[in-house]
């Protein structure tokens, strides 16, 4: 990766953090800024193909600006290790049937 590219990425991350630190922005302004940022990132992805940078920038934006934590479901549900083999098989079959019902004929 070239230094120019690294500088661009660092500058972009810093601009996200700088906007986040601006406490004077209202929710509507934040939503507009987020949407414009996502559009800009999609253009960067199309131009450069740099999936890692775009993915990391999106994760940073969502982590800083969304009221809901990015991994909302991590603390919910049942731990797989606590299920019996029979229960695991039941869940797998249930998921298969739900997916099969969603696939058009």
Protein backbone atom coordinates (compact mmCIF):
# COMPACT_ATOMS: atom_id res chain seq x y z
CA UNK A 1 0.00 0.00 0.00
CA UNK A 2 1.38 3.38 -0.91
CA UNK A 3 1.96 6.20 1.54
CA UNK A 4 -0.55 8.34 -0.36
CA UNK A 5 -3.21 5.70 0.16
CA UNK A 6 -2.33 5.32 3.84
CA UNK A 7 -2.51 9.09 4.31
CA UNK A 8 -5.92 9.20 2.63
CA UNK A 9 -7.24 6.45 4.88
CA UNK A 10 -5.87 8.09 8.03
CA UNK A 11 -7.29 11.46 6.98
CA UNK A 12 -10.68 9.85 6.35
CA UNK A 13 -10.73 8.13 9.75
CA UNK A 14 -9.71 11.40 11.40
CA UNK A 15 -12.51 13.26 9.61
CA UNK A 16 -15.02 10.74 10.99
CA UNK A 17 -13.70 11.21 14.52
CA UNK A 18 -13.62 14.99 14.13
CA UNK A 19 -17.26 15.04 13.05
CA UNK A 20 -18.17 12.77 15.97
CA UNK A 21 -16.49 15.13 18.43
CA UNK A 22 -18.61 18.04 17.19
CA UNK A 23 -21.33 18.02 19.85
CA UNK A 24 -23.28 20.84 18.19
CA UNK A 25 -24.77 18.66 15.44
CA UNK A 26 -28.39 17.57 15.62
CA UNK A 27 -29.66 14.09 14.71
CA UNK A 28 -30.85 15.13 11.24
CA UNK A 29 -27.44 16.58 10.37
CA UNK A 30 -25.76 13.39 11.58
CA UNK A 31 -28.05 11.22 9.42
CA UNK A 32 -27.40 13.34 6.35
CA UNK A 33 -23.64 13.24 7.00
CA UNK A 34 -23.74 9.44 7.48
CA UNK A 35 -25.63 8.90 4.23
CA UNK A 36 -23.26 11.15 2.29
CA UNK A 37 -20.32 9.31 3.85
CA UNK A 38 -21.72 5.93 2.80
CA UNK A 39 -22.20 7.19 -0.77
CA UNK A 40 -18.65 8.54 -0.79
CA UNK A 41 -17.32 5.22 0.52
CA UNK A 42 -19.16 3.29 -2.20
CA UNK A 43 -17.51 5.53 -4.79
CA UNK A 44 -14.11 4.86 -3.19
CA UNK A 45 -14.83 1.13 -3.29
CA UNK A 46 -15.79 1.29 -6.96
CA UNK A 47 -12.70 3.34 -7.82
CA UNK A 48 -10.10 1.51 -5.72
CA UNK A 49 -11.58 -1.87 -4.83
CA UNK A 50 -10.24 -1.37 -1.28
CA UNK A 51 -12.82 -3.43 0.61
CA UNK A 52 -10.95 -3.42 3.93
CA UNK A 53 -10.79 0.36 4.15
CA UNK A 54 -14.45 0.80 3.20
CA UNK A 55 -15.57 -1.92 5.62
CA UNK A 56 -13.54 -0.46 8.48
CA UNK A 57 -14.79 3.07 7.79
CA UNK A 58 -18.41 1.87 7.79
CA UNK A 59 -17.85 -0.03 11.05
CA UNK A 60 -16.33 3.09 12.63
CA UNK A 61 -19.25 5.27 11.51
CA UNK A 62 -21.84 2.79 12.77
CA UNK A 63 -20.01 2.29 16.06
CA UNK A 64 -19.80 5.99 16.78
CA UNK A 65 -23.15 7.27 15.52
CA UNK A 66 -25.74 4.52 15.95
CA UNK A 67 -27.69 4.48 19.16
CA UNK A 68 -27.96 0.69 19.00
CA UNK A 69 -24.68 -1.19 19.50
CA UNK A 70 -23.33 -2.74 16.27
CA UNK A 71 -23.53 -6.28 17.64
CA UNK A 72 -26.98 -6.04 19.22
CA UNK A 73 -27.60 -9.79 19.20
CA UNK A 74 -24.31 -10.87 20.77
CA UNK A 75 -25.78 -10.90 24.27
CA UNK A 76 -29.07 -12.57 23.34
CA UNK A 77 -30.21 -16.09 22.67
CA UNK A 78 -28.84 -19.43 23.78
CA UNK A 79 -25.20 -20.43 23.73
CA UNK A 80 -24.66 -23.18 21.16
CA UNK A 81 -22.47 -25.10 23.61
CA UNK A 82 -25.39 -25.42 26.03
CA UNK A 83 -27.64 -27.18 23.47
CA UNK A 84 -27.92 -30.95 23.24
CA UNK A 85 -27.28 -32.62 19.88
CA UNK A 86 -31.01 -33.20 19.52
CA UNK A 87 -31.76 -29.50 20.10
CA UNK A 88 -29.05 -28.49 17.61
CA UNK A 89 -30.57 -30.80 14.99
CA UNK A 90 -34.02 -29.35 15.64
CA UNK A 91 -32.73 -25.79 15.13
CA UNK A 92 -30.84 -26.74 11.98
CA UNK A 93 -33.95 -28.36 10.51
CA UNK A 94 -36.05 -25.33 11.44
CA UNK A 95 -33.59 -22.98 9.74
CA UNK A 96 -33.47 -25.19 6.64
CA UNK A 97 -37.25 -25.16 6.38
CA UNK A 98 -37.40 -21.37 6.77
CA UNK A 99 -34.78 -20.90 4.04
CA UNK A 100 -36.53 -23.40 1.75
CA UNK A 101 -39.80 -21.49 2.16
CA UNK A 102 -38.13 -18.23 1.12
CA UNK A 103 -36.62 -19.63 -2.09
CA UNK A 104 -38.92 -18.99 -5.07
CA UNK A 105 -39.94 -22.01 -7.15
